[in-house]
Amino acid sequence: MTSFARFQAGPARTGGDKGERRSRQGVFIHRSGLSQARAGRGSRPRPFTALSHPSHNLRGRLSAEHQGETACPARCTAYLAPVFAAEGHASASSSTPTVVLVHGAWADGSCWEAVIPHLHRAGLKVVAVQNPLSSLDADVANVTRVLDDLQGDILLVGHSYGGVVISQAGNHPRVVGLVYVAAFAPAPGQSINSLLSSAPEPPPWIGLLHADAGGWVTWPAEAMATWFSTGLSAELQAVLAATQHPTFYQVNDGAVGEVAVWTVHPTTYVVATQDRVIPPPLQHMFAQAMGADVVETEGGHLVMLAQPQAVAEAIISAAQS
């Protein structure tokens, strides 16, 4: 897995020396010189919005300590009526962006169900999209449709393959910022497959995936627990394997266009330090190339289920900056 550090994530953006900005509860945040320079930039482009699609709902049961935060009312508020503030939550300020959450492969919008209550309590409006995972173009079009339907500024958040989607969909005129959560962040003209092909050998988990006769790819349960959902409870791993969203094999061929949105928007990258799908050195490589603020937190690839509060704090900080 160490060979992943040799991937080419595109030319790094230049800036001043990096330095630790702040730390809290074991979550470390670093700020690049380029990110520091953003404070002096002019007004940012305005963002767009998103709305969830009711297909392929991935029901992720959380570990016991998070179950109280993810009861049905919270999910319903997140997926069915995100424009209304839930009773007891702080009302969202008109100056704060709507948070649009974009899932990755083998998942759907419910993978954010442990993060969403934290965002609501911070007074943020939240929408979790439901992408078809049939092609990059189809997923970007779906996110764009959602963004078009929202009002005001938008903060786009993408996990895993969702990072590729927001790198393209973030060109929407009302997007004001980006958060990558253990996500691929290709440079202009790059796809996930072009990134993987630059490694000396393919990642070990690639050969464990199963493709049906139509080209839709899924994880065998044991392989998923070892690589994709590592660190979660056995019960949750079993639920995720049973409810995973099949992903068409060609989604990884989709390349980002000529303009990567992280070159024009403030960007945060949440590094999952125990990730076995996108190794942490590669995640740091993406963040460095983007000049992103970096938040490190312990957890595997599905860090938003393992450490929902830490992930939420990174999103809240980006939304309020």
Protein backbone atom coordinates (compact mmCIF):
# COMPACT_ATOMS: atom_id res chain seq x y z
CA MET A 1 0.00 0.00 0.00
CA THR A 2 2.93 2.33 0.45
CA SER A 3 3.34 2.46 -3.30
CA PHE A 4 0.20 4.62 -3.48
CA ALA A 5 2.25 7.52 -2.26
CA ARG A 6 3.85 7.62 -5.69
CA PHE A 7 0.60 8.55 -7.42
CA GLN A 8 0.59 11.79 -9.37
CA ALA A 9 -2.22 14.02 -8.15
CA GLY A 10 -1.43 16.88 -10.49
CA PRO A 11 0.79 19.94 -9.99
CA ALA A 12 0.85 21.24 -6.45
CA ARG A 13 -0.34 24.77 -5.88
CA THR A 14 2.34 26.98 -4.54
CA GLY A 15 2.14 28.95 -1.34
CA GLY A 16 3.91 29.88 1.85
CA ASP A 17 5.15 27.54 4.53
CA LYS A 18 2.62 25.22 6.07
CA GLY A 19 1.93 25.45 9.73
CA GLU A 20 -0.40 23.94 12.24
CA ARG A 21 -3.43 26.15 12.59
CA ARG A 22 -5.13 24.53 15.54
CA SER A 23 -5.82 21.19 17.18
CA ARG A 24 -8.75 19.83 19.15
CA GLN A 25 -9.65 16.49 20.67
CA GLY A 26 -7.09 14.57 18.66
CA VAL A 27 -8.13 16.17 15.37
CA PHE A 28 -5.27 18.13 13.85
CA ILE A 29 -5.81 20.94 11.38
CA HIS A 30 -3.02 22.31 9.22
CA ARG A 31 -3.19 25.28 6.89
CA SER A 32 -1.07 25.73 3.80
CA GLY A 33 0.43 29.05 2.84
CA LEU A 34 -1.90 29.24 -0.13
CA SER A 35 -4.89 28.73 2.13
CA GLN A 36 -3.63 31.53 4.36
CA ALA A 37 -3.43 33.77 1.32
CA ARG A 38 -7.10 33.16 0.64
CA ALA A 39 -8.02 35.53 3.40
CA GLY A 40 -6.91 38.41 1.20
CA ARG A 41 -8.75 37.30 -1.89
CA GLY A 42 -11.69 39.08 -3.34
CA SER A 43 -15.25 37.88 -3.26
CA ARG A 44 -15.78 34.22 -4.03
CA PRO A 45 -18.04 32.81 -6.72
CA ARG A 46 -21.49 32.06 -5.39
CA PRO A 47 -22.51 28.36 -5.08
CA PHE A 48 -25.41 26.09 -5.99
CA THR A 49 -27.75 23.58 -4.31
CA ALA A 50 -28.79 19.91 -4.05
CA LEU A 51 -31.78 17.70 -3.39
CA SER A 52 -31.96 14.02 -2.56
CA HIS A 53 -33.31 11.33 -4.86
CA PRO A 54 -35.44 8.61 -3.25
CA SER A 55 -33.79 5.65 -4.96
CA HIS A 56 -31.42 3.00 -3.59
CA ASN A 57 -31.50 3.93 0.09
CA LEU A 58 -28.48 2.49 1.90
CA ARG A 59 -29.53 1.84 5.49
CA GLY A 60 -26.46 2.16 7.63
CA ARG A 61 -27.01 1.17 11.25
CA LEU A 62 -24.56 2.94 13.45
CA SER A 63 -22.72 1.68 16.47
CA ALA A 64 -24.56 1.92 19.77
CA GLU A 65 -23.00 5.19 20.76
CA HIS A 66 -24.38 6.94 17.64
CA GLN A 67 -27.81 5.33 17.39
CA GLY A 68 -29.45 7.94 19.58
CA GLU A 69 -28.34 10.65 17.14
CA THR A 70 -29.68 9.01 14.02
CA ALA A 71 -33.28 8.19 14.79
CA CYS A 72 -35.83 8.37 12.01
CA PRO A 73 -36.82 12.03 12.59
CA ALA A 74 -33.24 13.15 11.92
CA ARG A 75 -33.04 11.08 8.76
CA CYS A 76 -36.40 12.28 7.56
CA THR A 77 -35.40 15.88 8.18
CA ALA A 78 -32.17 15.35 6.25
CA TYR A 79 -33.55 13.54 3.23
CA LEU A 80 -37.18 14.63 2.87
CA ALA A 81 -37.38 18.22 4.06
CA PRO A 82 -33.90 19.70 4.34
CA VAL A 83 -35.15 23.25 3.81
CA PHE A 84 -37.00 23.20 7.13
CA ALA A 85 -35.10 23.53 10.39
CA ALA A 86 -35.86 20.64 12.72
CA GLU A 87 -37.59 21.62 15.95
CA GLY A 88 -35.04 22.34 18.65
CA HIS A 89 -32.24 23.05 16.19
CA ALA A 90 -30.67 26.46 15.77
CA SER A 91 -32.08 28.27 12.77
CA ALA A 92 -29.72 28.56 9.81
CA SER A 93 -28.34 31.98 9.03
CA SER A 94 -29.07 33.33 5.57
CA SER A 95 -25.34 34.02 5.24
CA THR A 96 -24.29 30.38 5.73
CA PRO A 97 -24.28 28.01 2.76
CA THR A 98 -26.42 24.95 2.36
CA VAL A 99 -24.32 21.83 2.84
CA VAL A 100 -24.69 19.33 -0.01
CA LEU A 101 -23.32 15.87 0.78
CA VAL A 102 -22.20 13.67 -2.12
CA HIS A 103 -21.64 9.97 -1.45
CA GLY A 104 -19.10 7.74 -3.14
CA ALA A 105 -19.24 4.33 -4.77
CA TRP A 106 -21.15 1.44 -3.14
CA ALA A 107 -23.10 3.90 -0.99
CA ASP A 108 -25.95 6.40 -1.06
CA GLY A 109 -26.99 9.51 0.82
CA SER A 110 -27.73 7.64 4.04
CA CYS A 111 -24.00 7.08 4.57
CA TRP A 112 -24.03 10.61 6.05
CA GLU A 113 -26.75 9.86 8.61
CA ALA A 114 -24.38 10.08 11.60
CA VAL A 115 -22.95 13.43 10.44
CA ILE A 116 -26.21 15.19 9.58
CA PRO A 117 -27.55 15.62 13.15
CA HIS A 118 -24.35 17.43 14.12
CA LEU A 119 -24.75 19.78 11.16
CA HIS A 120 -28.37 20.45 12.04
CA ARG A 121 -27.47 21.29 15.62
CA ALA A 122 -25.00 23.83 14.24
CA GLY A 123 -27.89 25.49 12.39
CA LEU A 124 -26.90 24.33 8.89
CA LYS A 125 -29.26 23.32 6.12
CA VAL A 126 -28.28 19.94 4.70
CA VAL A 127 -29.10 17.93 1.58
CA ALA A 128 -27.71 14.45 0.88
CA VAL A 129 -27.90 13.56 -2.80
CA GLN A 130 -28.67 10.12 -4.23
CA ASN A 131 -26.50 9.46 -7.27
CA PRO A 132 -27.06 6.62 -9.77
CA LEU A 133 -23.36 5.64 -9.88
CA SER A 134 -23.77 4.79 -13.55
CA SER A 135 -21.21 7.26 -14.95
CA LEU A 136 -19.42 10.42 -13.88
CA ASP A 137 -21.51 12.45 -16.32
CA ALA A 138 -24.76 11.06 -14.89
CA ASP A 139 -23.68 11.68 -11.31
CA VAL A 140 -22.53 15.23 -12.05
CA ALA A 141 -25.80 15.94 -13.87
CA ASN A 142 -27.78 14.67 -10.88
CA VAL A 143 -25.83 16.83 -8.43
CA THR A 144 -26.17 19.84 -10.74
CA ARG A 145 -29.94 19.35 -10.89
CA VAL A 146 -30.03 19.37 -7.11
CA LEU A 147 -27.86 22.47 -6.93
CA ASP A 148 -30.03 24.30 -9.43
CA ASP A 149 -33.04 23.71 -7.19
CA LEU A 150 -31.46 25.19 -4.07
CA GLN A 151 -31.35 28.82 -3.00
CA GLY A 152 -28.26 30.72 -1.92
CA ASP A 153 -24.65 29.65 -1.47
CA ILE A 154 -23.59 26.02 -1.36
CA LEU A 155 -20.80 24.05 0.31
CA LEU A 156 -20.12 20.81 -1.56
CA VAL A 157 -18.86 17.80 0.42
CA GLY A 158 -17.69 14.60 -1.30
CA HIS A 159 -16.56 11.22 -0.01
CA SER A 160 -14.33 8.79 -1.95
CA TYR A 161 -15.48 8.76 -5.61
CA GLY A 162 -17.76 11.65 -4.60
CA GLY A 163 -14.61 13.78 -4.60
CA VAL A 164 -14.40 13.33 -8.37
CA VAL A 165 -18.06 14.31 -8.68
CA ILE A 166 -17.70 17.54 -6.68
CA SER A 167 -14.49 18.39 -8.55
CA GLN A 168 -16.67 18.67 -11.66
CA ALA A 169 -20.06 19.72 -10.24
CA GLY A 170 -18.37 22.42 -8.16
CA ASN A 171 -18.16 24.62 -11.24
CA HIS A 172 -21.74 25.62 -10.47
CA PRO A 173 -21.85 29.42 -9.97
CA ARG A 174 -23.24 29.27 -6.43
CA VAL A 175 -20.74 26.84 -4.94
CA VAL A 176 -18.50 28.70 -2.49
CA GLY A 177 -16.41 25.94 -0.98
CA LEU A 178 -15.45 22.27 -1.04
CA VAL A 179 -14.79 19.57 1.54
CA TYR A 180 -13.16 16.29 0.52
CA VAL A 181 -13.65 13.43 2.99
CA ALA A 182 -11.19 10.57 2.36
CA ALA A 183 -11.84 11.35 -1.29
CA PHE A 184 -10.20 11.18 -4.68
CA ALA A 185 -9.27 14.64 -5.93
CA PRO A 186 -8.01 14.34 -9.50
CA ALA A 187 -6.31 17.15 -11.35
CA PRO A 188 -7.78 18.52 -14.60
CA GLY A 189 -8.01 15.76 -17.20
CA GLN A 190 -7.51 12.98 -14.66
CA SER A 191 -9.78 10.09 -13.70
CA ILE A 192 -9.55 7.58 -10.87
CA ASN A 193 -8.30 4.95 -13.30
CA SER A 194 -5.57 7.24 -14.63
CA LEU A 195 -4.47 7.83 -11.03
CA LEU A 196 -4.45 4.11 -10.25
CA SER A 197 -2.61 3.24 -13.44
CA SER A 198 0.26 5.51 -12.43
CA ALA A 199 1.05 3.24 -9.47
CA PRO A 200 3.64 0.46 -9.84
CA GLU A 201 0.89 -2.08 -9.14
CA PRO A 202 -2.87 -1.91 -8.67
CA PRO A 203 -4.28 -1.65 -5.13
CA PRO A 204 -4.83 -5.09 -3.55
CA TRP A 205 -8.57 -4.63 -3.16
CA ILE A 206 -9.23 -4.12 -6.88
CA GLY A 207 -9.01 -7.84 -7.63
CA LEU A 208 -11.48 -8.68 -4.86
CA LEU A 209 -14.42 -6.80 -6.39
CA HIS A 210 -17.22 -8.69 -8.13
CA ALA A 211 -18.76 -7.57 -11.44
CA ASP A 212 -22.04 -9.03 -12.69
CA ALA A 213 -22.86 -9.76 -16.32
CA GLY A 214 -23.97 -6.16 -16.86
CA GLY A 215 -20.78 -4.60 -15.52
CA TRP A 216 -22.15 -3.50 -12.12
CA VAL A 217 -19.55 -3.92 -9.41
CA THR A 218 -20.03 -4.87 -5.74
CA TRP A 219 -17.93 -5.96 -2.78
CA PRO A 220 -18.04 -9.49 -1.36
CA ALA A 221 -18.93 -9.11 2.32
CA GLU A 222 -15.61 -10.34 3.72
CA ALA A 223 -13.53 -8.16 1.40
CA MET A 224 -15.68 -5.14 2.15
CA ALA A 225 -15.15 -5.58 5.90
CA THR A 226 -11.39 -5.93 5.44
CA TRP A 227 -10.83 -2.97 3.13
CA PHE A 228 -13.84 -0.69 2.69
CA SER A 229 -15.67 -0.69 6.05
CA THR A 230 -12.72 -1.54 8.26
CA GLY A 231 -12.92 -0.33 11.85
CA LEU A 232 -16.72 -0.42 12.08
CA SER A 233 -18.74 -2.91 14.12
CA ALA A 234 -19.34 -6.37 12.62
CA GLU A 235 -23.09 -5.70 12.65
CA LEU A 236 -22.74 -2.46 10.72
CA GLN A 237 -20.29 -4.05 8.28
CA ALA A 238 -22.84 -6.77 7.54
CA VAL A 239 -25.59 -4.18 6.94
CA LEU A 240 -23.36 -2.17 4.62
CA ALA A 241 -22.47 -5.28 2.61
CA ALA A 242 -26.13 -6.23 2.28
CA THR A 243 -27.29 -2.74 1.24
CA GLN A 244 -24.36 -1.52 -0.88
CA HIS A 245 -25.26 0.39 -4.04
CA PRO A 246 -23.87 -1.43 -7.11
CA THR A 247 -21.52 0.82 -9.07
CA PHE A 248 -21.01 0.64 -12.83
CA TYR A 249 -17.44 -0.26 -13.69
CA GLN A 250 -16.92 2.68 -16.05
CA VAL A 251 -17.45 5.40 -13.41
CA ASN A 252 -13.71 5.36 -12.72
CA ASP A 253 -13.02 6.26 -16.37
CA GLY A 254 -14.71 9.65 -16.03
CA ALA A 255 -12.15 12.47 -16.06
CA VAL A 256 -12.39 15.92 -14.52
CA GLY A 257 -12.62 18.76 -17.04
CA GLU A 258 -10.10 21.44 -17.84
CA VAL A 259 -10.84 23.45 -14.70
CA ALA A 260 -10.64 21.73 -11.31
CA VAL A 261 -12.88 23.64 -8.91
CA TRP A 262 -10.38 23.41 -6.07
CA THR A 263 -8.28 25.94 -7.97
CA VAL A 264 -10.94 28.61 -7.40
CA HIS A 265 -12.72 27.61 -4.14
CA PRO A 266 -11.56 27.35 -0.53
CA THR A 267 -11.01 23.67 0.14
CA THR A 268 -10.79 21.40 3.18
CA TYR A 269 -9.54 17.81 3.12
CA VAL A 270 -10.43 15.31 5.87
CA VAL A 271 -7.72 12.62 5.97
CA ALA A 272 -8.76 9.22 7.36
CA THR A 273 -5.55 7.99 8.97
CA GLN A 274 -6.52 4.28 8.86
CA ASP A 275 -7.97 4.22 5.34
CA ARG A 276 -7.16 1.05 3.36
CA VAL A 277 -8.85 2.13 0.11
CA ILE A 278 -7.19 5.54 -0.38
CA PRO A 279 -3.99 5.37 1.70
CA PRO A 280 -3.32 8.41 3.92
CA PRO A 281 -0.13 9.39 2.01
CA LEU A 282 -2.19 9.69 -1.16
CA GLN A 283 -4.85 11.70 0.66
CA HIS A 284 -2.16 14.09 1.89
CA MET A 285 -0.87 14.30 -1.68
CA PHE A 286 -4.30 15.39 -2.91
CA ALA A 287 -4.59 17.95 -0.13
CA GLN A 288 -1.15 19.39 -0.81
CA ALA A 289 -1.87 19.69 -4.53
CA MET A 290 -5.08 21.56 -3.75
CA GLY A 291 -3.59 23.79 -1.08
CA ALA A 292 -6.34 22.54 1.20
CA ASP A 293 -6.82 22.91 4.92
CA VAL A 294 -6.13 19.41 6.30
CA VAL A 295 -8.05 17.73 9.09
CA GLU A 296 -6.65 14.39 10.26
CA THR A 297 -8.91 12.00 12.13
CA GLU A 298 -8.62 8.34 13.07
CA GLY A 299 -10.81 6.05 11.04
CA GLY A 300 -11.00 3.83 8.00
CA HIS A 301 -12.41 4.71 4.60
CA LEU A 302 -15.93 5.24 5.98
CA VAL A 303 -14.66 7.79 8.46
CA MET A 304 -17.98 9.67 8.48
CA LEU A 305 -19.50 6.60 10.18
CA ALA A 306 -16.53 5.97 12.47
CA GLN A 307 -15.94 9.60 13.50
CA PRO A 308 -19.08 11.57 12.57
CA GLN A 309 -18.48 14.41 15.01
CA ALA A 310 -14.94 15.06 13.74
CA VAL A 311 -16.13 15.03 10.14
CA ALA A 312 -19.05 17.31 11.01
CA GLU A 313 -16.73 19.77 12.77
CA ALA A 314 -14.59 20.03 9.65
CA ILE A 315 -17.69 20.73 7.55
CA ILE A 316 -19.05 23.26 10.05
CA SER A 317 -15.72 25.08 10.11
CA ALA A 318 -15.67 25.26 6.32
CA ALA A 319 -19.27 26.50 6.21
CA GLN A 320 -18.62 29.24 8.74
CA SER A 321 -15.30 30.45 7.30
